[in-house]
Amino acid sequence: MILSETHKKFLRGKGHLLKPIITISSQGLSQPLLDEFDSTITHHELIKIRVRNHDKASKNTIFSQLCEKTTSMLVGKIGNIALIYRPNKEDQKIKLPK
């Protein structure tokens, strides 16, 4: 699934008041972090994550690797915070506009 600009705008509006749930430290994308991310995004569908102690290039790499490994989509990023979306196939809570 590819998010259109309309979908991204809608999801950014939904995610505006969210607080970062997961923080990625200098250890990067460890398996326990990926497991926690998977269970959290399955439950919430839209979450914010924070990356600490990384430069701009490595943050972008971490965001893309995380989305690739978990089949989720990057909605947007500002500084150390990224908004990530993955619909729950069994019980979708967020309905995207047509």
N, C-alpha and C. Protein backbone atom coordinates (compact mmCIF):
# COMPACT_ATOMS: atom_id res chain seq x y z
N MET A 1 0.84 -1.18 0.00
CA MET A 1 0.00 0.00 0.00
C MET A 1 0.89 1.25 0.00
N ILE A 2 0.56 2.19 -0.83
CA ILE A 2 1.28 3.45 -0.91
C ILE A 2 0.35 4.54 -0.42
N LEU A 3 0.87 5.39 0.46
CA LEU A 3 0.07 6.48 1.00
C LEU A 3 0.10 7.68 0.06
N SER A 4 -1.08 8.19 -0.27
CA SER A 4 -1.15 9.41 -1.08
C SER A 4 -0.89 10.61 -0.17
N GLU A 5 -0.72 11.76 -0.75
CA GLU A 5 -0.51 12.98 0.04
C GLU A 5 -1.74 13.29 0.90
N THR A 6 -2.93 12.98 0.40
CA THR A 6 -4.15 13.17 1.18
C THR A 6 -4.14 12.28 2.41
N HIS A 7 -3.72 11.02 2.24
CA HIS A 7 -3.64 10.10 3.37
C HIS A 7 -2.60 10.58 4.38
N LYS A 8 -1.44 11.01 3.90
CA LYS A 8 -0.39 11.49 4.79
C LYS A 8 -0.85 12.71 5.58
N LYS A 9 -1.54 13.62 4.92
CA LYS A 9 -2.04 14.81 5.60
C LYS A 9 -3.04 14.42 6.68
N PHE A 10 -3.93 13.50 6.37
CA PHE A 10 -4.93 13.00 7.33
C PHE A 10 -4.24 12.36 8.53
N LEU A 11 -3.23 11.51 8.27
CA LEU A 11 -2.53 10.81 9.35
C LEU A 11 -1.68 11.78 10.19
N ARG A 12 -1.07 12.78 9.55
CA ARG A 12 -0.32 13.78 10.32
C ARG A 12 -1.24 14.53 11.27
N GLY A 13 -2.46 14.81 10.82
CA GLY A 13 -3.44 15.45 11.70
C GLY A 13 -3.79 14.57 12.89
N LYS A 14 -3.97 13.28 12.64
CA LYS A 14 -4.26 12.32 13.72
C LYS A 14 -3.08 12.19 14.68
N GLY A 15 -1.87 12.23 14.15
CA GLY A 15 -0.68 12.00 14.94
C GLY A 15 -0.14 13.23 15.65
N HIS A 16 -0.73 14.38 15.38
CA HIS A 16 -0.21 15.62 15.94
C HIS A 16 -0.14 15.61 17.47
N LEU A 17 -1.14 15.09 18.12
CA LEU A 17 -1.19 15.10 19.58
C LEU A 17 -0.54 13.89 20.23
N LEU A 18 -0.07 12.94 19.42
CA LEU A 18 0.55 11.74 19.97
C LEU A 18 1.92 12.05 20.58
N LYS A 19 2.27 11.32 21.60
CA LYS A 19 3.60 11.40 22.19
C LYS A 19 4.42 10.22 21.66
N PRO A 20 5.75 10.37 21.56
CA PRO A 20 6.58 9.24 21.12
C PRO A 20 6.45 8.06 22.09
N ILE A 21 6.15 6.89 21.56
CA ILE A 21 5.96 5.69 22.37
C ILE A 21 7.26 4.91 22.48
N ILE A 22 8.02 4.87 21.41
CA ILE A 22 9.25 4.07 21.36
C ILE A 22 10.44 4.99 21.11
N THR A 23 11.52 4.75 21.85
CA THR A 23 12.75 5.50 21.66
C THR A 23 13.85 4.54 21.22
N ILE A 24 14.51 4.89 20.12
CA ILE A 24 15.61 4.09 19.61
C ILE A 24 16.90 4.75 20.07
N SER A 25 17.68 4.03 20.86
CA SER A 25 18.92 4.58 21.41
C SER A 25 20.09 4.27 20.49
N SER A 26 21.28 4.41 21.01
CA SER A 26 22.48 4.18 20.21
C SER A 26 22.67 2.72 19.81
N GLN A 27 21.93 1.81 20.43
CA GLN A 27 22.02 0.39 20.07
C GLN A 27 21.33 0.08 18.75
N GLY A 28 20.51 0.98 18.27
CA GLY A 28 19.88 0.81 16.96
C GLY A 28 18.70 -0.14 16.98
N LEU A 29 18.50 -0.81 15.87
CA LEU A 29 17.33 -1.69 15.69
C LEU A 29 17.64 -3.11 16.16
N SER A 30 17.54 -3.33 17.45
CA SER A 30 17.75 -4.67 18.00
C SER A 30 16.47 -5.48 17.84
N GLN A 31 16.59 -6.78 17.98
CA GLN A 31 15.42 -7.65 17.84
C GLN A 31 14.35 -7.37 18.91
N PRO A 32 14.71 -7.16 20.18
CA PRO A 32 13.67 -6.81 21.16
C PRO A 32 12.94 -5.52 20.82
N LEU A 33 13.67 -4.52 20.28
CA LEU A 33 13.02 -3.29 19.88
C LEU A 33 12.05 -3.54 18.73
N LEU A 34 12.45 -4.34 17.75
CA LEU A 34 11.57 -4.65 16.62
C LEU A 34 10.33 -5.40 17.08
N ASP A 35 10.49 -6.31 18.05
CA ASP A 35 9.33 -7.04 18.59
C ASP A 35 8.37 -6.10 19.29
N GLU A 36 8.91 -5.19 20.10
CA GLU A 36 8.08 -4.21 20.81
C GLU A 36 7.39 -3.28 19.81
N PHE A 37 8.12 -2.84 18.79
CA PHE A 37 7.54 -1.99 17.77
C PHE A 37 6.39 -2.70 17.07
N ASP A 38 6.60 -3.96 16.73
CA ASP A 38 5.58 -4.73 16.02
C ASP A 38 4.29 -4.85 16.83
N SER A 39 4.42 -5.17 18.11
CA SER A 39 3.21 -5.31 18.93
C SER A 39 2.53 -3.96 19.16
N THR A 40 3.32 -2.90 19.31
CA THR A 40 2.75 -1.57 19.54
C THR A 40 2.03 -1.04 18.32
N ILE A 41 2.64 -1.18 17.15
CA ILE A 41 1.99 -0.64 15.95
C ILE A 41 0.78 -1.49 15.54
N THR A 42 0.80 -2.77 15.88
CA THR A 42 -0.38 -3.60 15.62
C THR A 42 -1.55 -3.11 16.45
N HIS A 43 -1.28 -2.71 17.67
CA HIS A 43 -2.35 -2.24 18.55
C HIS A 43 -2.81 -0.82 18.20
N HIS A 44 -1.87 0.10 17.94
CA HIS A 44 -2.22 1.51 17.75
C HIS A 44 -2.37 1.92 16.29
N GLU A 45 -1.72 1.26 15.37
CA GLU A 45 -1.70 1.56 13.93
C GLU A 45 -0.90 2.81 13.56
N LEU A 46 -0.90 3.83 14.38
CA LEU A 46 -0.19 5.07 14.10
C LEU A 46 0.59 5.44 15.36
N ILE A 47 1.91 5.49 15.26
CA ILE A 47 2.73 5.80 16.43
C ILE A 47 3.86 6.76 16.06
N LYS A 48 4.35 7.43 17.09
CA LYS A 48 5.54 8.26 16.95
C LYS A 48 6.70 7.53 17.60
N ILE A 49 7.85 7.62 16.95
CA ILE A 49 9.07 7.07 17.54
C ILE A 49 10.12 8.17 17.61
N ARG A 50 11.01 8.04 18.56
CA ARG A 50 12.10 9.01 18.74
C ARG A 50 13.43 8.28 18.56
N VAL A 51 14.36 8.95 17.90
CA VAL A 51 15.71 8.41 17.73
C VAL A 51 16.66 9.33 18.48
N ARG A 52 17.51 8.74 19.31
CA ARG A 52 18.48 9.52 20.08
C ARG A 52 19.90 9.17 19.66
N ASN A 53 20.79 10.14 19.81
CA ASN A 53 22.24 9.94 19.63
C ASN A 53 22.63 9.50 18.22
N HIS A 54 22.00 10.04 17.21
CA HIS A 54 22.34 9.70 15.83
C HIS A 54 22.40 10.99 15.01
N ASP A 55 23.24 10.97 13.97
CA ASP A 55 23.27 12.12 13.07
C ASP A 55 22.14 11.99 12.04
N LYS A 56 21.99 13.02 11.22
CA LYS A 56 20.86 13.09 10.29
C LYS A 56 20.84 11.90 9.32
N ALA A 57 21.97 11.55 8.76
CA ALA A 57 22.02 10.45 7.78
C ALA A 57 21.67 9.12 8.42
N SER A 58 22.18 8.87 9.62
CA SER A 58 21.87 7.58 10.26
C SER A 58 20.42 7.54 10.74
N LYS A 59 19.83 8.69 11.12
CA LYS A 59 18.41 8.71 11.49
C LYS A 59 17.55 8.31 10.30
N ASN A 60 17.85 8.89 9.14
CA ASN A 60 17.08 8.55 7.94
C ASN A 60 17.22 7.06 7.60
N THR A 61 18.41 6.53 7.77
CA THR A 61 18.64 5.10 7.52
C THR A 61 17.85 4.24 8.50
N ILE A 62 17.84 4.63 9.77
CA ILE A 62 17.10 3.87 10.78
C ILE A 62 15.60 3.89 10.47
N PHE A 63 15.07 5.07 10.11
CA PHE A 63 13.64 5.15 9.78
C PHE A 63 13.30 4.26 8.59
N SER A 64 14.13 4.29 7.54
CA SER A 64 13.81 3.45 6.37
C SER A 64 13.98 1.97 6.66
N GLN A 65 15.00 1.59 7.43
CA GLN A 65 15.18 0.18 7.78
C GLN A 65 14.03 -0.32 8.64
N LEU A 66 13.59 0.50 9.58
CA LEU A 66 12.48 0.12 10.45
C LEU A 66 11.22 -0.11 9.64
N CYS A 67 10.92 0.79 8.72
CA CYS A 67 9.72 0.64 7.88
C CYS A 67 9.84 -0.58 6.98
N GLU A 68 11.03 -0.82 6.45
CA GLU A 68 11.24 -1.97 5.56
C GLU A 68 11.09 -3.29 6.32
N LYS A 69 11.70 -3.38 7.50
CA LYS A 69 11.67 -4.63 8.27
C LYS A 69 10.29 -4.94 8.84
N THR A 70 9.47 -3.91 9.07
CA THR A 70 8.17 -4.12 9.72
C THR A 70 7.00 -3.90 8.77
N THR A 71 7.26 -3.71 7.50
CA THR A 71 6.24 -3.43 6.48
C THR A 71 5.29 -2.31 6.91
N SER A 72 5.87 -1.26 7.47
CA SER A 72 5.08 -0.09 7.84
C SER A 72 5.47 1.07 6.93
N MET A 73 4.76 2.20 7.07
CA MET A 73 4.98 3.33 6.18
C MET A 73 5.32 4.58 6.98
N LEU A 74 6.33 5.28 6.51
CA LEU A 74 6.73 6.54 7.13
C LEU A 74 5.78 7.63 6.65
N VAL A 75 5.07 8.24 7.59
CA VAL A 75 4.13 9.31 7.25
C VAL A 75 4.87 10.64 7.18
N GLY A 76 5.75 10.86 8.13
CA GLY A 76 6.53 12.09 8.15
C GLY A 76 7.56 12.05 9.25
N LYS A 77 8.50 12.98 9.17
CA LYS A 77 9.53 13.06 10.21
C LYS A 77 9.92 14.52 10.39
N ILE A 78 10.17 14.85 11.65
CA ILE A 78 10.64 16.18 12.00
C ILE A 78 11.71 15.99 13.06
N GLY A 79 12.93 16.35 12.75
CA GLY A 79 14.03 16.21 13.70
C GLY A 79 14.26 14.77 14.11
N ASN A 80 14.13 14.49 15.39
CA ASN A 80 14.36 13.15 15.93
C ASN A 80 13.09 12.30 15.99
N ILE A 81 11.96 12.82 15.55
CA ILE A 81 10.67 12.16 15.69
C ILE A 81 10.15 11.75 14.31
N ALA A 82 9.64 10.52 14.24
CA ALA A 82 9.01 10.03 13.01
C ALA A 82 7.62 9.52 13.33
N LEU A 83 6.70 9.73 12.42
CA LEU A 83 5.33 9.22 12.53
C LEU A 83 5.20 8.06 11.56
N ILE A 84 4.82 6.89 12.09
CA ILE A 84 4.79 5.67 11.30
C ILE A 84 3.41 5.04 11.37
N TYR A 85 2.95 4.53 10.23
CA TYR A 85 1.61 3.95 10.12
C TYR A 85 1.69 2.55 9.53
N ARG A 86 0.90 1.66 10.10
CA ARG A 86 0.69 0.33 9.53
C ARG A 86 -0.72 -0.11 9.92
N PRO A 87 -1.60 -0.31 8.93
CA PRO A 87 -2.97 -0.71 9.28
C PRO A 87 -3.00 -2.12 9.86
N ASN A 88 -3.88 -2.32 10.81
CA ASN A 88 -4.10 -3.64 11.39
C ASN A 88 -5.04 -4.39 10.45
N LYS A 89 -4.59 -5.49 9.91
CA LYS A 89 -5.38 -6.22 8.91
C LYS A 89 -6.64 -6.85 9.50
N GLU A 90 -6.60 -7.19 10.78
CA GLU A 90 -7.74 -7.85 11.40
C GLU A 90 -8.75 -6.87 11.98
N ASP A 91 -8.29 -5.77 12.54
CA ASP A 91 -9.17 -4.81 13.21
C ASP A 91 -8.67 -3.39 12.94
N GLN A 92 -8.94 -2.88 11.76
CA GLN A 92 -8.44 -1.57 11.38
C GLN A 92 -9.21 -0.48 12.12
N LYS A 93 -8.48 0.33 12.90
CA LYS A 93 -9.08 1.38 13.70
C LYS A 93 -9.14 2.72 12.96
N ILE A 94 -8.11 2.99 12.18
CA ILE A 94 -8.04 4.26 11.45
C ILE A 94 -8.49 4.04 10.02
N LYS A 95 -9.57 4.67 9.66
CA LYS A 95 -10.10 4.57 8.30
C LYS A 95 -9.58 5.75 7.49
N LEU A 96 -8.82 5.46 6.45
CA LEU A 96 -8.26 6.50 5.59
C LEU A 96 -9.33 7.06 4.67
N PRO A 97 -9.27 8.36 4.36
CA PRO A 97 -10.24 8.96 3.44
C PRO A 97 -10.03 8.40 2.02
N LYS A 98 -11.06 8.44 1.24
CA LYS A 98 -11.01 7.91 -0.13
C LYS A 98 -10.27 8.84 -1.06
